[in-house]
Amino acid sequence: MAATLRTEVEQIKEQPEVKQALKQTTGTEPDSKPAAKTKDKVWLGTHALVFLSLAVFYFFLQFKFLGFAARYVSLLHQLTVGAMAIVVLLAIAKVIDVYLIGGLESAVTKYNLRRIVKLSVGLLMIFIVLSLLFQNWYTAVVSIGLVSLILGFALQTPITSFFAWLYILIRAPYRVGDRIKIGDATGDVIDVSYIDTTLWEFGGDLLSTDHPSGRVIRFPNSRVLSNEVYNYTWPLFPYVWNGPCFPTSGTKSSSALRMKAIWNLWPRQCKG
């Protein structure tokens, strides 16, 4: 019996969610190191070749051998430098994905961090393109500032939801796969995007039990900043105590006495 119990405990400890929860409580570091797959190495090698090709092309532009298109040499310089910057940016993002994010054990953490990397890469690529369009950095910064100010007033709720998404990633009030209740919405988290969260509803106003209702609930992430979040999922203790109530009558019949005896077995007192 003891050996069986130890085996079950070891099996539970091998679950990724349980390992993550144990690391949060003990502060231990992972022992394994991530290894790049063949397709990742090919991907990085391809980007290295593209970068070298662009560098060679930029070098030959210095000789001005394109006499018939001399007026476009300056533009080609800018486009080549921008393309090289984008290639380096994508290569760095791939290295982060393979060697840093790939070493994590939690699939949910990998999913969230990869979305952050993709968002950061997208913003940096936009910045590179704007820097090519506006040769004057001051003009580019002012233009970005004005656009951000206008969008800030027009899109207050989405922007708040985006910062709430960052809060969800950092503080982790819930994650994909958790069963939560926030406001009137109750269900299993199936997606956490930049702007909103999607739940697979269970219970609700259509059912009296905790079974899936078949509906999908989508709410803005900003609700997590103003509402209590009840999370029913924790790997180290995946249970929720629920004491049932047994109604009894005021008579002294044998059935009532039996029900009262059952009543006394539960630590919860019910009135009815």
Protein backbone atom coordinates (compact mmCIF):
# COMPACT_ATOMS: atom_id res chain seq x y z
CA MET A 1 0.00 0.00 0.00
CA ALA A 2 2.78 2.45 0.92
CA ALA A 3 4.72 1.59 -2.24
CA THR A 4 1.63 2.20 -4.38
CA LEU A 5 1.04 5.53 -2.68
CA ARG A 6 4.63 6.61 -3.26
CA THR A 7 4.33 5.64 -6.92
CA GLU A 8 1.19 7.73 -7.31
CA VAL A 9 2.86 10.68 -5.60
CA GLU A 10 5.84 10.46 -7.96
CA GLN A 11 3.52 10.31 -10.96
CA ILE A 12 1.71 13.42 -9.77
CA LYS A 13 5.01 15.25 -9.27
CA GLU A 14 5.92 14.55 -12.91
CA GLN A 15 2.92 16.53 -14.17
CA PRO A 16 4.04 19.87 -15.70
CA GLU A 17 1.46 21.91 -13.76
CA VAL A 18 2.50 20.34 -10.46
CA LYS A 19 6.19 20.94 -11.24
CA GLN A 20 5.44 24.59 -11.95
CA ALA A 21 3.51 24.99 -8.70
CA LEU A 22 6.30 23.30 -6.73
CA LYS A 23 8.87 25.63 -8.29
CA GLN A 24 6.76 28.63 -7.27
CA THR A 25 6.73 27.44 -3.66
CA THR A 26 10.31 26.13 -3.42
CA GLY A 27 12.15 28.38 -5.88
CA THR A 28 14.09 25.53 -7.54
CA GLU A 29 15.55 26.00 -11.01
CA PRO A 30 15.11 23.60 -13.95
CA ASP A 31 17.99 21.20 -14.56
CA SER A 32 17.51 20.44 -18.25
CA LYS A 33 18.84 22.72 -20.98
CA PRO A 34 16.87 23.39 -24.18
CA ALA A 35 18.20 21.94 -27.42
CA ALA A 36 17.56 23.36 -30.87
CA LYS A 37 15.82 21.13 -33.39
CA THR A 38 17.09 20.61 -36.92
CA LYS A 39 14.41 22.83 -38.43
CA ASP A 40 15.32 25.61 -35.98
CA LYS A 41 18.98 25.39 -37.00
CA VAL A 42 17.98 25.48 -40.68
CA TRP A 43 15.77 28.50 -39.97
CA LEU A 44 18.61 30.36 -38.23
CA GLY A 45 21.06 29.38 -40.97
CA THR A 46 18.70 30.71 -43.64
CA HIS A 47 18.44 34.04 -41.85
CA ALA A 48 22.23 34.19 -41.55
CA LEU A 49 22.57 33.66 -45.33
CA VAL A 50 19.96 36.33 -46.06
CA PHE A 51 21.77 38.76 -43.77
CA LEU A 52 25.10 38.08 -45.45
CA SER A 53 23.51 38.54 -48.89
CA LEU A 54 22.07 41.88 -47.86
CA ALA A 55 25.42 42.92 -46.38
CA VAL A 56 27.20 42.07 -49.66
CA PHE A 57 24.58 43.98 -51.64
CA TYR A 58 25.01 46.99 -49.34
CA PHE A 59 28.78 46.78 -49.82
CA PHE A 60 28.48 46.78 -53.63
CA LEU A 61 26.18 49.79 -53.48
CA GLN A 62 29.18 51.80 -52.28
CA PHE A 63 30.80 51.46 -55.70
CA LYS A 64 27.82 53.05 -57.47
CA PHE A 65 27.87 50.51 -60.27
CA LEU A 66 24.18 51.25 -60.86
CA GLY A 67 24.89 54.31 -62.97
CA PHE A 68 21.51 54.27 -64.63
CA ALA A 69 19.78 54.33 -61.21
CA ALA A 70 22.13 56.58 -59.24
CA ARG A 71 19.24 58.59 -57.82
CA TYR A 72 17.85 55.45 -56.20
CA VAL A 73 21.08 54.44 -54.45
CA SER A 74 20.21 56.36 -51.26
CA LEU A 75 16.79 54.68 -51.14
CA LEU A 76 18.38 51.27 -51.73
CA HIS A 77 20.77 51.95 -48.86
CA GLN A 78 17.88 52.63 -46.50
CA LEU A 79 15.86 49.63 -47.66
CA THR A 80 18.87 47.33 -47.33
CA VAL A 81 19.66 48.55 -43.82
CA GLY A 82 15.99 48.16 -42.82
CA ALA A 83 15.85 44.63 -44.24
CA MET A 84 19.05 43.70 -42.40
CA ALA A 85 17.62 45.06 -39.13
CA ILE A 86 14.41 43.05 -39.61
CA VAL A 87 16.37 39.85 -40.34
CA VAL A 88 18.48 40.35 -37.20
CA LEU A 89 15.32 41.03 -35.19
CA LEU A 90 13.64 37.83 -36.41
CA ALA A 91 16.79 35.82 -35.71
CA ILE A 92 16.99 37.17 -32.15
CA ALA A 93 13.32 36.36 -31.61
CA LYS A 94 13.93 32.79 -32.83
CA VAL A 95 16.91 32.37 -30.50
CA ILE A 96 14.81 33.57 -27.56
CA ASP A 97 12.02 31.19 -28.55
CA VAL A 98 14.29 28.15 -28.88
CA TYR A 99 16.86 28.59 -26.11
CA LEU A 100 14.96 30.57 -23.47
CA ILE A 101 11.26 29.89 -23.87
CA GLY A 102 11.85 26.34 -25.11
CA GLY A 103 13.55 25.45 -21.81
CA LEU A 104 10.40 26.11 -19.79
CA GLU A 105 8.22 23.18 -18.74
CA SER A 106 4.86 24.91 -18.48
CA ALA A 107 3.02 24.95 -21.81
CA VAL A 108 0.91 27.89 -20.62
CA THR A 109 4.01 29.97 -19.80
CA LYS A 110 5.51 29.13 -23.20
CA TYR A 111 2.27 30.19 -24.89
CA ASN A 112 2.15 33.53 -23.07
CA LEU A 113 5.83 34.38 -23.54
CA ARG A 114 5.70 33.57 -27.24
CA ARG A 115 2.80 35.95 -27.64
CA ILE A 116 4.81 38.66 -25.87
CA VAL A 117 7.78 38.05 -28.17
CA LYS A 118 5.58 38.20 -31.27
CA LEU A 119 4.00 41.44 -30.08
CA SER A 120 7.41 42.97 -29.32
CA VAL A 121 8.78 41.93 -32.72
CA GLY A 122 5.76 43.42 -34.46
CA LEU A 123 6.15 46.76 -32.64
CA LEU A 124 9.88 46.91 -33.40
CA MET A 125 9.26 46.14 -37.08
CA ILE A 126 6.74 48.98 -37.22
CA PHE A 127 9.32 51.27 -35.62
CA ILE A 128 11.93 50.22 -38.22
CA VAL A 129 9.53 50.93 -41.08
CA LEU A 130 8.63 54.35 -39.64
CA SER A 131 12.30 55.19 -39.23
CA LEU A 132 12.77 54.45 -42.94
CA LEU A 133 9.80 56.59 -43.93
CA PHE A 134 10.89 59.53 -41.77
CA GLN A 135 14.58 60.33 -42.13
CA ASN A 136 14.31 62.88 -39.35
CA TRP A 137 14.05 61.02 -36.04
CA TYR A 138 12.38 63.97 -34.35
CA THR A 139 9.61 63.95 -36.95
CA ALA A 140 9.14 60.20 -36.52
CA VAL A 141 8.93 60.46 -32.71
CA VAL A 142 6.46 63.34 -32.89
CA SER A 143 4.32 61.48 -35.42
CA ILE A 144 4.26 58.35 -33.27
CA GLY A 145 3.43 60.46 -30.21
CA LEU A 146 0.51 62.19 -31.92
CA VAL A 147 -0.88 58.92 -33.25
CA SER A 148 -0.53 57.32 -29.79
CA LEU A 149 -2.31 60.27 -28.18
CA ILE A 150 -5.22 60.08 -30.61
CA LEU A 151 -5.52 56.32 -30.26
CA GLY A 152 -5.29 56.64 -26.47
CA PHE A 153 -8.45 58.75 -26.34
CA ALA A 154 -10.30 56.73 -28.98
CA LEU A 155 -9.38 53.26 -27.69
CA GLN A 156 -9.35 53.57 -23.89
CA THR A 157 -11.02 50.22 -23.20
CA PRO A 158 -8.82 48.15 -25.57
CA ILE A 159 -5.68 49.82 -24.21
CA THR A 160 -6.79 49.12 -20.64
CA SER A 161 -7.49 45.52 -21.65
CA PHE A 162 -4.00 45.26 -23.13
CA PHE A 163 -2.39 46.39 -19.86
CA ALA A 164 -4.72 44.00 -18.03
CA TRP A 165 -3.36 41.24 -20.30
CA LEU A 166 0.14 42.11 -19.08
CA TYR A 167 -1.18 41.95 -15.50
CA ILE A 168 -2.64 38.49 -16.19
CA LEU A 169 0.72 37.28 -17.51
CA ILE A 170 2.71 38.70 -14.58
CA ARG A 171 0.39 38.05 -11.63
CA ALA A 172 -1.36 34.99 -13.16
CA PRO A 173 -4.82 35.30 -11.56
CA TYR A 174 -5.79 32.65 -14.12
CA ARG A 175 -4.33 30.96 -17.16
CA VAL A 176 -5.48 28.75 -20.01
CA GLY A 177 -7.08 25.59 -18.62
CA ASP A 178 -8.16 27.09 -15.27
CA ARG A 179 -11.77 27.09 -14.12
CA ILE A 180 -12.66 30.55 -12.87
CA LYS A 181 -15.51 32.80 -11.90
CA ILE A 182 -15.34 36.53 -12.60
CA GLY A 183 -18.45 38.58 -12.09
CA ASP A 184 -21.38 36.57 -13.48
CA ALA A 185 -19.18 34.56 -15.86
CA THR A 186 -18.08 31.07 -14.83
CA GLY A 187 -16.20 28.59 -16.98
CA ASP A 188 -12.92 27.10 -18.18
CA VAL A 189 -10.37 29.48 -19.71
CA ILE A 190 -9.70 28.41 -23.31
CA ASP A 191 -7.91 31.52 -24.58
CA VAL A 192 -6.30 34.71 -23.23
CA SER A 193 -5.65 37.16 -26.05
CA TYR A 194 -4.25 40.69 -26.01
CA ILE A 195 -7.71 42.23 -25.58
CA ASP A 196 -10.14 39.64 -24.21
CA THR A 197 -10.49 36.29 -22.46
CA THR A 198 -12.62 33.39 -23.67
CA LEU A 199 -14.38 30.98 -21.30
CA TRP A 200 -16.15 27.70 -21.98
CA GLU A 201 -19.12 28.18 -19.70
CA PHE A 202 -20.19 25.59 -17.17
CA GLY A 203 -23.35 25.84 -15.11
CA GLY A 204 -24.89 29.21 -15.80
CA ASP A 205 -28.55 30.13 -15.89
CA LEU A 206 -29.47 27.16 -18.09
CA LEU A 207 -28.25 24.37 -15.81
CA SER A 208 -28.50 23.60 -12.12
CA THR A 209 -25.32 21.47 -12.21
CA ASP A 210 -21.66 22.22 -12.94
CA HIS A 211 -21.72 20.70 -16.43
CA PRO A 212 -20.71 22.61 -19.58
CA SER A 213 -23.62 24.60 -20.96
CA GLY A 214 -22.27 24.67 -24.52
CA ARG A 215 -21.91 28.45 -24.57
CA VAL A 216 -18.71 30.46 -24.94
CA ILE A 217 -18.22 33.63 -22.88
CA ARG A 218 -15.89 36.38 -24.08
CA PHE A 219 -15.12 39.39 -21.88
CA PRO A 220 -12.49 42.18 -21.98
CA ASN A 221 -9.37 41.67 -19.93
CA SER A 222 -10.00 44.98 -18.18
CA ARG A 223 -12.58 43.23 -15.98
CA VAL A 224 -9.80 41.51 -14.08
CA LEU A 225 -8.72 44.92 -12.73
CA SER A 226 -12.12 45.73 -11.24
CA ASN A 227 -13.64 42.33 -10.32
CA GLU A 228 -12.75 39.51 -7.96
CA VAL A 229 -11.43 36.40 -9.69
CA TYR A 230 -12.33 33.05 -8.12
CA ASN A 231 -9.92 30.39 -9.40
CA TYR A 232 -10.99 26.78 -8.80
CA THR A 233 -7.74 25.33 -10.16
CA TRP A 234 -4.45 24.87 -8.35
CA PRO A 235 -2.15 21.92 -9.22
CA LEU A 236 -1.06 21.27 -5.62
CA PHE A 237 -4.67 21.08 -4.38
CA PRO A 238 -7.06 20.50 -7.31
CA TYR A 239 -10.17 20.24 -5.14
CA VAL A 240 -12.97 22.50 -3.96
CA TRP A 241 -14.74 21.57 -0.73
CA ASN A 242 -18.50 21.52 -0.99
CA GLY A 243 -20.61 20.35 1.96
CA PRO A 244 -24.06 19.07 0.96
CA CYS A 245 -27.18 20.09 2.90
CA PHE A 246 -29.82 17.59 4.08
CA PRO A 247 -33.19 19.15 4.88
CA THR A 248 -34.98 17.68 7.90
CA SER A 249 -38.50 18.02 9.25
CA GLY A 250 -39.49 18.94 12.79
CA THR A 251 -41.06 15.52 13.53
CA LYS A 252 -39.41 12.85 15.65
CA SER A 253 -39.99 10.00 13.27
CA SER A 254 -37.30 7.45 12.62
CA SER A 255 -36.56 8.83 9.16
CA ALA A 256 -36.10 12.30 10.59
CA LEU A 257 -33.75 10.98 13.25
CA ARG A 258 -31.68 9.20 10.61
CA MET A 259 -31.47 12.37 8.55
CA LYS A 260 -30.47 14.33 11.62
CA ALA A 261 -27.70 11.82 12.35
CA ILE A 262 -26.38 12.28 8.82
CA TRP A 263 -26.68 16.03 9.30
CA ASN A 264 -24.38 15.93 12.30
CA LEU A 265 -21.66 14.19 10.29
CA TRP A 266 -21.11 17.32 8.17
CA PRO A 267 -19.28 20.37 9.55
CA ARG A 268 -21.57 22.68 7.60
CA GLN A 269 -24.88 23.76 9.14
CA CYS A 270 -27.80 24.35 6.83
CA LYS A 271 -31.06 26.00 7.60
CA GLY A 272 -34.20 24.99 5.83
